[in-house]
PDB file of N, CA and C in Angstrom:
ATOM      1  N   MET A   1     -72.718 -83.891-109.572  1.00  0.00           N
ATOM      2  CA  MET A   1     -72.896 -85.172-109.883  1.00  0.00           C
ATOM      3  C   MET A   1     -71.460 -85.806-110.634  1.00  0.00           C
ATOM      4  N   LYS A   2     -71.241 -85.081-111.700  1.00  0.00           N
ATOM      5  CA  LYS A   2     -69.824 -85.323-112.349  1.00  0.00           C
ATOM      6  C   LYS A   2     -68.750 -85.504-111.189  1.00  0.00           C
ATOM      7  N   GLY A   3     -68.667 -84.474-110.494  1.00  0.00           N
ATOM      8  CA  GLY A   3     -67.467 -84.670-109.583  1.00  0.00           C
ATOM      9  C   GLY A   3     -67.424 -85.906-108.690  1.00  0.00           C
ATOM     10  N   ILE A   4     -68.754 -86.343-108.251  1.00  0.00           N
ATOM     11  CA  ILE A   4     -68.907 -87.524-107.657  1.00  0.00           C
ATOM     12  C   ILE A   4     -68.407 -88.951-108.108  1.00  0.00           C
ATOM     13  N   LEU A   5     -69.262 -88.802-109.455  1.00  0.00           N
ATOM     14  CA  LEU A   5     -68.622 -90.099-110.386  1.00  0.00           C
ATOM     15  C   LEU A   5     -67.179 -90.130-110.686  1.00  0.00           C
ATOM     16  N   ALA A   6     -66.664 -89.013-110.712  1.00  0.00           N
ATOM     17  CA  ALA A   6     -65.067 -88.807-111.270  1.00  0.00           C
ATOM     18  C   ALA A   6     -64.220 -89.367-109.978  1.00  0.00           C
ATOM     19  N   PHE A   7     -64.606 -88.915-108.626  1.00  0.00           N
ATOM     20  CA  PHE A   7     -64.161 -89.314-107.439  1.00  0.00           C
ATOM     21  C   PHE A   7     -64.156 -90.924-107.291  1.00  0.00           C
ATOM     22  N   LEU A   8     -65.224 -91.591-107.598  1.00  0.00           N
ATOM     23  CA  LEU A   8     -65.561 -92.879-107.382  1.00  0.00           C
ATOM     24  C   LEU A   8     -64.716 -93.413-108.470  1.00  0.00           C
ATOM     25  N   ILE A   9     -64.764 -93.179-109.605  1.00  0.00           N
ATOM     26  CA  ILE A   9     -63.802 -93.865-110.514  1.00  0.00           C
ATOM     27  C   ILE A   9     -62.314 -93.848-110.162  1.00  0.00           C
ATOM     28  N   ILE A  10     -61.904 -92.695-109.621  1.00  0.00           N
ATOM     29  CA  ILE A  10     -60.382 -92.747-109.130  1.00  0.00           C
ATOM     30  C   ILE A  10     -60.255 -93.407-108.004  1.00  0.00           C
ATOM     31  N   LEU A  11     -61.045 -93.460-106.976  1.00  0.00           N
ATOM     32  CA  LEU A  11     -61.165 -94.264-105.798  1.00  0.00           C
ATOM     33  C   LEU A  11     -61.141 -96.022-106.116  1.00  0.00           C
ATOM     34  N   VAL A  12     -61.734 -96.199-107.266  1.00  0.00           N
ATOM     35  CA  VAL A  12     -61.868 -97.645-107.792  1.00  0.00           C
ATOM     36  C   VAL A  12     -60.386 -97.880-108.316  1.00  0.00           C
ATOM     37  N   LEU A  13     -59.805 -96.960-109.256  1.00  0.00           N
ATOM     38  CA  LEU A  13     -58.550 -97.424-109.687  1.00  0.00           C
ATOM     39  C   LEU A  13     -57.598 -97.441-108.754  1.00  0.00           C
ATOM     40  N   LEU A  14     -57.410 -96.410-107.951  1.00  0.00           N
ATOM     41  CA  LEU A  14     -56.514 -96.697-106.745  1.00  0.00           C
ATOM     42  C   LEU A  14     -56.520 -97.749-106.043  1.00  0.00           C
ATOM     43  N   ALA A  15     -57.696 -98.431-105.688  1.00  0.00           N
ATOM     44  CA  ALA A  15     -58.015 -99.575-104.805  1.00  0.00           C
ATOM     45  C   ALA A  15     -57.424-100.699-105.745  1.00  0.00           C
ATOM     46  N   ILE A  16     -57.704-100.750-106.823  1.00  0.00           N
ATOM     47  CA  ILE A  16     -57.337-101.954-107.785  1.00  0.00           C
ATOM     48  C   ILE A  16     -55.514-101.673-107.903  1.00  0.00           C
ATOM     49  N   ALA A  17     -54.954-100.752-107.916  1.00  0.00           N
ATOM     50  CA  ALA A  17     -53.633-100.432-108.055  1.00  0.00           C
ATOM     51  C   ALA A  17     -53.074-100.873-106.795  1.00  0.00           C
ATOM     52  N   PHE A  18     -53.589-100.561-105.591  1.00  0.00           N
ATOM     53  CA  PHE A  18     -52.955-101.238-104.337  1.00  0.00           C
ATOM     54  C   PHE A  18     -53.202-102.641-104.246  1.00  0.00           C
ATOM     55  N   VAL A  19     -54.294-103.253-104.719  1.00  0.00           N
ATOM     56  CA  VAL A  19     -54.507-104.746-104.640  1.00  0.00           C
ATOM     57  C   VAL A  19     -53.338-105.324-105.464  1.00  0.00           C
ATOM     58  N   VAL A  20     -53.263-104.835-106.591  1.00  0.00           N
ATOM     59  CA  VAL A  20     -52.334-105.471-107.526  1.00  0.00           C
ATOM     60  C   VAL A  20     -50.901-105.359-107.049  1.00  0.00           C
ATOM     61  N   GLY A  21     -50.747-104.152-106.158  1.00  0.00           N
ATOM     62  CA  GLY A  21     -49.414-104.061-105.894  1.00  0.00           C
ATOM     63  C   GLY A  21     -49.105-104.805-104.419  1.00  0.00           C
ATOM     64  N   SER A  22     -50.218-105.010-103.782  1.00  0.00           N
ATOM     65  CA  SER A  22     -50.013-105.998-102.570  1.00  0.00           C
ATOM     66  C   SER A  22     -49.606-107.271-102.972  1.00  0.00           C
ATOM     67  N   GLN A  23     -50.038-107.855-103.987  1.00  0.00           N
ATOM     68  CA  GLN A  23     -49.701-109.012-104.594  1.00  0.00           C
ATOM     69  C   GLN A  23     -48.248-109.312-105.013  1.00  0.00           C
ATOM     70  N   ASN A  24     -47.639-108.580-105.118  1.00  0.00           N
ATOM     71  CA  ASN A  24     -46.086-108.428-105.580  1.00  0.00           C
ATOM     72  C   ASN A  24     -45.246-108.319-104.273  1.00  0.00           C
ATOM     73  N   GLU A  25     -44.717-109.262-103.840  1.00  0.00           N
ATOM     74  CA  GLU A  25     -43.951-109.404-102.566  1.00  0.00           C
ATOM     75  C   GLU A  25     -42.548-109.544-102.892  1.00  0.00           C
ATOM     76  N   ALA A  26     -42.139-109.342-104.254  1.00  0.00           N
ATOM     77  CA  ALA A  26     -40.732-109.674-104.408  1.00  0.00           C
ATOM     78  C   ALA A  26     -39.674-108.565-104.129  1.00  0.00           C
ATOM     79  N   GLN A  27     -38.330-108.675-103.699  1.00  0.00           N
ATOM     80  CA  GLN A  27     -37.721-107.703-103.388  1.00  0.00           C
ATOM     81  C   GLN A  27     -36.902-107.349-104.656  1.00  0.00           C
ATOM     82  N   VAL A  28     -37.095-105.735-104.858  1.00  0.00           N
ATOM     83  CA  VAL A  28     -36.192-105.421-105.876  1.00  0.00           C
ATOM     84  C   VAL A  28     -35.095-104.331-105.388  1.00  0.00           C
ATOM     85  N   THR A  29     -34.229-104.152-106.413  1.00  0.00           N
ATOM     86  CA  THR A  29     -33.124-103.217-105.966  1.00  0.00           C
ATOM     87  C   THR A  29     -33.561-101.812-106.761  1.00  0.00           C
ATOM     88  N   LEU A  30     -33.630-100.750-106.063  1.00  0.00           N
ATOM     89  CA  LEU A  30     -33.936 -99.435-106.531  1.00  0.00           C
ATOM     90  C   LEU A  30     -32.743 -98.694-106.540  1.00  0.00           C
ATOM     91  N   ASN A  31     -32.209 -98.155-107.730  1.00  0.00           N
ATOM     92  CA  ASN A  31     -31.260 -97.338-107.705  1.00  0.00           C
ATOM     93  C   ASN A  31     -31.572 -95.907-108.162  1.00  0.00           C
ATOM     94  N   TYR A  32     -31.167 -95.072-107.274  1.00  0.00           N
ATOM     95  CA  TYR A  32     -31.473 -93.729-107.427  1.00  0.00           C
ATOM     96  C   TYR A  32     -30.144 -93.149-107.295  1.00  0.00           C
ATOM     97  N   LEU A  33     -30.126 -91.715-107.944  1.00  0.00           N
ATOM     98  CA  LEU A  33     -28.751 -90.809-107.759  1.00  0.00           C
ATOM     99  C   LEU A  33     -27.937 -91.200-106.952  1.00  0.00           C
ATOM    100  N   ILE A  34     -28.081 -91.066-105.505  1.00  0.00           N
ATOM    101  CA  ILE A  34     -27.002 -91.225-104.867  1.00  0.00           C
ATOM    102  C   ILE A  34     -26.615 -92.491-104.157  1.00  0.00           C
ATOM    103  N   ALA A  35     -27.835 -93.275-103.973  1.00  0.00           N
ATOM    104  CA  ALA A  35     -27.681 -94.537-103.412  1.00  0.00           C
ATOM    105  C   ALA A  35     -28.727 -95.630-104.007  1.00  0.00           C
ATOM    106  N   GLN A  36     -28.965 -96.796-103.375  1.00  0.00           N
ATOM    107  CA  GLN A  36     -29.734 -97.962-103.731  1.00  0.00           C
ATOM    108  C   GLN A  36     -30.467 -98.381-102.416  1.00  0.00           C
ATOM    109  N   ALA A  37     -31.505 -99.027-102.710  1.00  0.00           N
ATOM    110  CA  ALA A  37     -32.446 -99.630-101.849  1.00  0.00           C
ATOM    111  C   ALA A  37     -33.110-100.813-102.405  1.00  0.00           C
ATOM    112  N   ASN A  38     -33.194-101.976-101.132  1.00  0.00           N
ATOM    113  CA  ASN A  38     -33.905-102.978-101.418  1.00  0.00           C
ATOM    114  C   ASN A  38     -35.246-102.913-100.909  1.00  0.00           C
ATOM    115  N   LEU A  39     -36.320-102.803-101.842  1.00  0.00           N
ATOM    116  CA  LEU A  39     -37.595-102.558-101.156  1.00  0.00           C
ATOM    117  C   LEU A  39     -38.602-103.807-101.786  1.00  0.00           C
ATOM    118  N   ARG A  40     -39.642-103.854-101.186  1.00  0.00           N
ATOM    119  CA  ARG A  40     -40.755-104.812-101.895  1.00  0.00           C
ATOM    120  C   ARG A  40     -41.344-103.914-103.242  1.00  0.00           C
ATOM    121  N   LEU A  41     -41.504-104.837-104.009  1.00  0.00           N
ATOM    122  CA  LEU A  41     -42.113-104.450-105.358  1.00  0.00           C
ATOM    123  C   LEU A  41     -43.363-103.751-105.232  1.00  0.00           C
ATOM    124  N   SER A  42     -44.265-104.025-104.080  1.00  0.00           N
ATOM    125  CA  SER A  42     -45.594-103.237-103.829  1.00  0.00           C
ATOM    126  C   SER A  42     -45.194-101.792-103.140  1.00  0.00           C
ATOM    127  N   THR A  43     -44.067-101.660-102.422  1.00  0.00           N
ATOM    128  CA  THR A  43     -43.685-100.460-101.974  1.00  0.00           C
ATOM    129  C   THR A  43     -43.296 -99.695-102.928  1.00  0.00           C
ATOM    130  N   VAL A  44     -42.478-100.011-104.111  1.00  0.00           N
ATOM    131  CA  VAL A  44     -42.078 -99.403-105.202  1.00  0.00           C
ATOM    132  C   VAL A  44     -43.475 -98.919-105.892  1.00  0.00           C
ATOM    133  N   ILE A  45     -44.475 -99.614-106.339  1.00  0.00           N
ATOM    134  CA  ILE A  45     -45.457 -99.557-107.216  1.00  0.00           C
ATOM    135  C   ILE A  45     -46.242 -98.292-106.229  1.00  0.00           C
ATOM    136  N   ALA A  46     -46.449 -98.362-104.989  1.00  0.00           N
ATOM    137  CA  ALA A  46     -47.260 -97.598-104.132  1.00  0.00           C
ATOM    138  C   ALA A  46     -46.480 -96.220-104.281  1.00  0.00           C
ATOM    139  N   ILE A  47     -45.541 -96.076-104.281  1.00  0.00           N
ATOM    140  CA  ILE A  47     -44.623 -94.799-104.021  1.00  0.00           C
ATOM    141  C   ILE A  47     -44.744 -94.107-105.298  1.00  0.00           C
ATOM    142  N   THR A  48     -44.350 -94.885-106.489  1.00  0.00           N
ATOM    143  CA  THR A  48     -44.700 -94.429-107.847  1.00  0.00           C
ATOM    144  C   THR A  48     -45.992 -93.796-108.295  1.00  0.00           C
ATOM    145  N   LEU A  49     -46.963 -94.729-107.603  1.00  0.00           N
ATOM    146  CA  LEU A  49     -48.515 -94.134-107.871  1.00  0.00           C
ATOM    147  C   LEU A  49     -48.821 -93.027-107.286  1.00  0.00           C
ATOM    148  N   SER A  50     -48.311 -92.663-105.830  1.00  0.00           N
ATOM    149  CA  SER A  50     -48.452 -91.618-105.137  1.00  0.00           C
ATOM    150  C   SER A  50     -47.919 -90.576-105.863  1.00  0.00           C
ATOM    151  N   ILE A  51     -46.590 -90.601-106.299  1.00  0.00           N
ATOM    152  CA  ILE A  51     -45.900 -89.677-107.025  1.00  0.00           C
ATOM    153  C   ILE A  51     -46.575 -88.864-108.091  1.00  0.00           C
ATOM    154  N   GLY A  52     -46.978 -90.162-109.218  1.00  0.00           N
ATOM    155  CA  GLY A  52     -47.844 -89.554-110.187  1.00  0.00           C
ATOM    156  C   GLY A  52     -49.174 -88.942-110.065  1.00  0.00           C
ATOM    157  N   VAL A  53     -49.849 -89.371-108.884  1.00  0.00           N
ATOM    158  CA  VAL A  53     -50.977 -88.739-108.435  1.00  0.00           C
ATOM    159  C   VAL A  53     -50.662 -87.358-108.096  1.00  0.00           C
ATOM    160  N   GLY A  54     -49.654 -87.330-107.222  1.00  0.00           N
ATOM    161  CA  GLY A  54     -49.385 -85.906-106.772  1.00  0.00           C
ATOM    162  C   GLY A  54     -49.067 -84.926-108.076  1.00  0.00           C
ATOM    163  N   ILE A  55     -48.153 -85.452-109.015  1.00  0.00           N
ATOM    164  CA  ILE A  55     -47.760 -84.572-110.182  1.00  0.00           C
ATOM    165  C   ILE A  55     -48.901 -84.202-110.950  1.00  0.00           C
ATOM    166  N   GLY A  56     -50.076 -85.005-111.160  1.00  0.00           N
ATOM    167  CA  GLY A  56     -51.154 -84.927-111.771  1.00  0.00           C
ATOM    168  C   GLY A  56     -51.961 -83.920-111.066  1.00  0.00           C
ATOM    169  N   ILE A  57     -52.146 -84.105-109.783  1.00  0.00           N
ATOM    170  CA  ILE A  57     -52.829 -83.022-109.145  1.00  0.00           C
ATOM    171  C   ILE A  57     -52.165 -81.472-109.249  1.00  0.00           C
ATOM    172  N   LEU A  58     -51.009 -81.341-109.129  1.00  0.00           N
ATOM    173  CA  LEU A  58     -50.222 -79.964-109.215  1.00  0.00           C
ATOM    174  C   LEU A  58     -50.459 -79.610-110.683  1.00  0.00           C
ATOM    175  N   ILE A  59     -50.405 -80.339-111.595  1.00  0.00           N
ATOM    176  CA  ILE A  59     -50.709 -79.897-112.949  1.00  0.00           C
ATOM    177  C   ILE A  59     -52.052 -79.419-113.452  1.00  0.00           C
ATOM    178  N   MET A  60     -53.060 -80.047-112.698  1.00  0.00           N
ATOM    179  CA  MET A  60     -54.342 -79.663-112.909  1.00  0.00           C
ATOM    180  C   MET A  60     -54.726 -78.502-111.922  1.00  0.00           C
ATOM    181  N   LEU A  61     -53.934 -78.187-110.794  1.00  0.00           N
ATOM    182  CA  LEU A  61     -54.357 -77.069-110.075  1.00  0.00           C
ATOM    183  C   LEU A  61     -53.619 -75.843-110.619  1.00  0.00           C
ATOM    184  N   VAL A  62     -52.529 -76.069-111.373  1.00  0.00           N
ATOM    185  CA  VAL A  62     -52.183 -74.893-112.248  1.00  0.00           C
ATOM    186  C   VAL A  62     -53.054 -74.461-113.162  1.00  0.00           C
ATOM    187  N   SER A  63     -53.547 -75.361-113.989  1.00  0.00           N
ATOM    188  CA  SER A  63     -54.279 -75.196-115.009  1.00  0.00           C
ATOM    189  C   SER A  63     -55.762 -74.754-114.467  1.00  0.00           C
ATOM    190  N   TRP A  64     -56.407 -75.064-113.395  1.00  0.00           N
ATOM    191  CA  TRP A  64     -57.334 -74.501-112.834  1.00  0.00           C
ATOM    192  C   TRP A  64     -57.163 -73.224-112.188  1.00  0.00           C
ATOM    193  N   LEU A  65     -56.108 -72.856-111.737  1.00  0.00           N
ATOM    194  CA  LEU A  65     -55.533 -71.410-111.246  1.00  0.00           C
ATOM    195  C   LEU A  65     -55.725 -70.392-112.447  1.00  0.00           C
ATOM    196  N   ARG A  66     -54.881 -71.102-113.564  1.00  0.00           N
ATOM    197  CA  ARG A  66     -54.940 -70.050-114.489  1.00  0.00           C
ATOM    198  C   ARG A  66     -56.343 -69.890-115.121  1.00  0.00           C
ATOM    199  N   LEU A  67     -57.163 -70.407-115.168  1.00  0.00           N
ATOM    200  CA  LEU A  67     -58.602 -70.397-115.683  1.00  0.00           C
ATOM    201  C   LEU A  67     -59.363 -69.568-114.656  1.00  0.00           C
ATOM    202  N   ARG A  68     -59.075 -69.520-113.439  1.00  0.00           N
ATOM    203  CA  ARG A  68     -59.580 -68.769-112.417  1.00  0.00           C
ATOM    204  C   ARG A  68     -59.150 -67.312-112.767  1.00  0.00           C
ATOM    205  N   VAL A  69     -57.978 -67.173-113.001  1.00  0.00           N
ATOM    206  CA  VAL A  69     -57.383 -65.622-113.222  1.00  0.00           C
ATOM    207  C   VAL A  69     -57.907 -65.186-114.575  1.00  0.00           C
ATOM    208  N   GLN A  70     -58.188 -65.904-115.789  1.00  0.00           N
ATOM    209  CA  GLN A  70     -58.980 -65.331-116.809  1.00  0.00           C
ATOM    210  C   GLN A  70     -60.369 -65.169-116.579  1.00  0.00           C
ATOM    211  N   LEU A  71     -61.154 -66.032-115.760  1.00  0.00           N
ATOM    212  CA  LEU A  71     -62.418 -65.743-115.428  1.00  0.00           C
ATOM    213  C   LEU A  71     -62.664 -64.469-114.847  1.00  0.00           C
ATOM    214  N   MET A  72     -61.557 -64.093-113.918  1.00  0.00           N
ATOM    215  CA  MET A  72     -62.022 -62.898-112.802  1.00  0.00           C
ATOM    216  C   MET A  72     -61.536 -61.699-113.944  1.00  0.00           C
ATOM    217  N   SER A  73     -60.661 -61.824-114.848  1.00  0.00           N
ATOM    218  CA  SER A  73     -60.111 -60.756-115.524  1.00  0.00           C
ATOM    219  C   SER A  73     -61.587 -60.470-116.759  1.00  0.00           C
ATOM    220  N   ALA A  74     -61.906 -61.710-116.949  1.00  0.00           N
ATOM    221  CA  ALA A  74     -63.236 -61.251-118.004  1.00  0.00           C
ATOM    222  C   ALA A  74     -64.280 -60.671-117.274  1.00  0.00           C
ATOM    223  N   GLN A  75     -64.851 -61.236-115.991  1.00  0.00           N
ATOM    224  CA  GLN A  75     -65.854 -60.591-115.441  1.00  0.00           C
ATOM    225  C   GLN A  75     -65.399 -59.048-114.859  1.00  0.00           C
ATOM    226  N   SER A  76     -64.283 -58.766-114.673  1.00  0.00           N
ATOM    227  CA  SER A  76     -63.981 -57.320-114.301  1.00  0.00           C
ATOM    228  C   SER A  76     -64.206 -56.545-115.434  1.00  0.00           C
ATOM    229  N   LYS A  77     -63.816 -57.027-116.783  1.00  0.00           N
ATOM    230  CA  LYS A  77     -64.065 -56.385-117.902  1.00  0.00           C
ATOM    231  C   LYS A  77     -65.737 -56.025-118.380  1.00  0.00           C
ATOM    232  N   ILE A  78     -66.199 -57.246-117.922  1.00  0.00           N
ATOM    233  CA  ILE A  78     -67.640 -57.031-118.345  1.00  0.00           C
ATOM    234  C   ILE A  78     -68.206 -56.134-117.289  1.00  0.00           C
ATOM    235  N   GLN A  79     -67.896 -55.992-116.175  1.00  0.00           N
ATOM    236  CA  GLN A  79     -68.471 -55.294-115.270  1.00  0.00           C
ATOM    237  C   GLN A  79     -67.955 -53.756-115.707  1.00  0.00           C
ATOM    238  N   SER A  80     -66.943 -53.350-116.071  1.00  0.00           N
ATOM    239  CA  SER A  80     -66.365 -51.942-116.595  1.00  0.00           C
ATOM    240  C   SER A  80     -67.198 -51.741-117.883  1.00  0.00           C
ATOM    241  N   LEU A  81     -67.415 -52.734-118.739  1.00  0.00           N
ATOM    242  CA  LEU A  81     -68.178 -52.174-119.791  1.00  0.00           C
ATOM    243  C   LEU A  81     -69.577 -51.888-119.575  1.00  0.00           C
ATOM    244  N   GLU A  82     -70.097 -52.791-118.568  1.00  0.00           N
ATOM    245  CA  GLU A  82     -71.626 -52.473-118.220  1.00  0.00           C
ATOM    246  C   GLU A  82     -71.825 -51.071-117.413  1.00  0.00           C
ATOM    247  N   GLN A  83     -70.927 -50.693-116.889  1.00  0.00           N
ATOM    248  CA  GLN A  83     -70.930 -49.344-115.987  1.00  0.00           C
ATOM    249  C   GLN A  83     -70.629 -48.182-117.043  1.00  0.00           C
ATOM    250  N   GLU A  84     -69.972 -48.427-118.410  1.00  0.00           N
ATOM    251  CA  GLU A  84     -69.730 -47.583-119.092  1.00  0.00           C
ATOM    252  C   GLU A  84     -71.132 -46.852-120.024  1.00  0.00           C
ATOM    253  N   HIS A  85     -71.955 -48.238-120.149  1.00  0.00           N
ATOM    254  CA  HIS A  85     -73.137 -47.935-120.710  1.00  0.00           C
ATOM    255  C   HIS A  85     -74.251 -47.734-119.817  1.00  0.00           C
TER     256      HIS A  85
END
């Protein structure tokens, strides 16, 4: 239930972000390391939002994997201690 609620909240926030982004049709110049590009502001907002979500997911995945390894280690220790007794 908790996961479904979190998913719905994220979905609503993403929808709001894209609606706000679509209302910004102004052209902006984006300067990056090697070149520059003229893009619509809504495109820049969508790109940065997507990059931010991707980085957030990667950070959460690393944390989740570390916890899974700790859990597996603890379970193996518990099993070895149970076999001793």
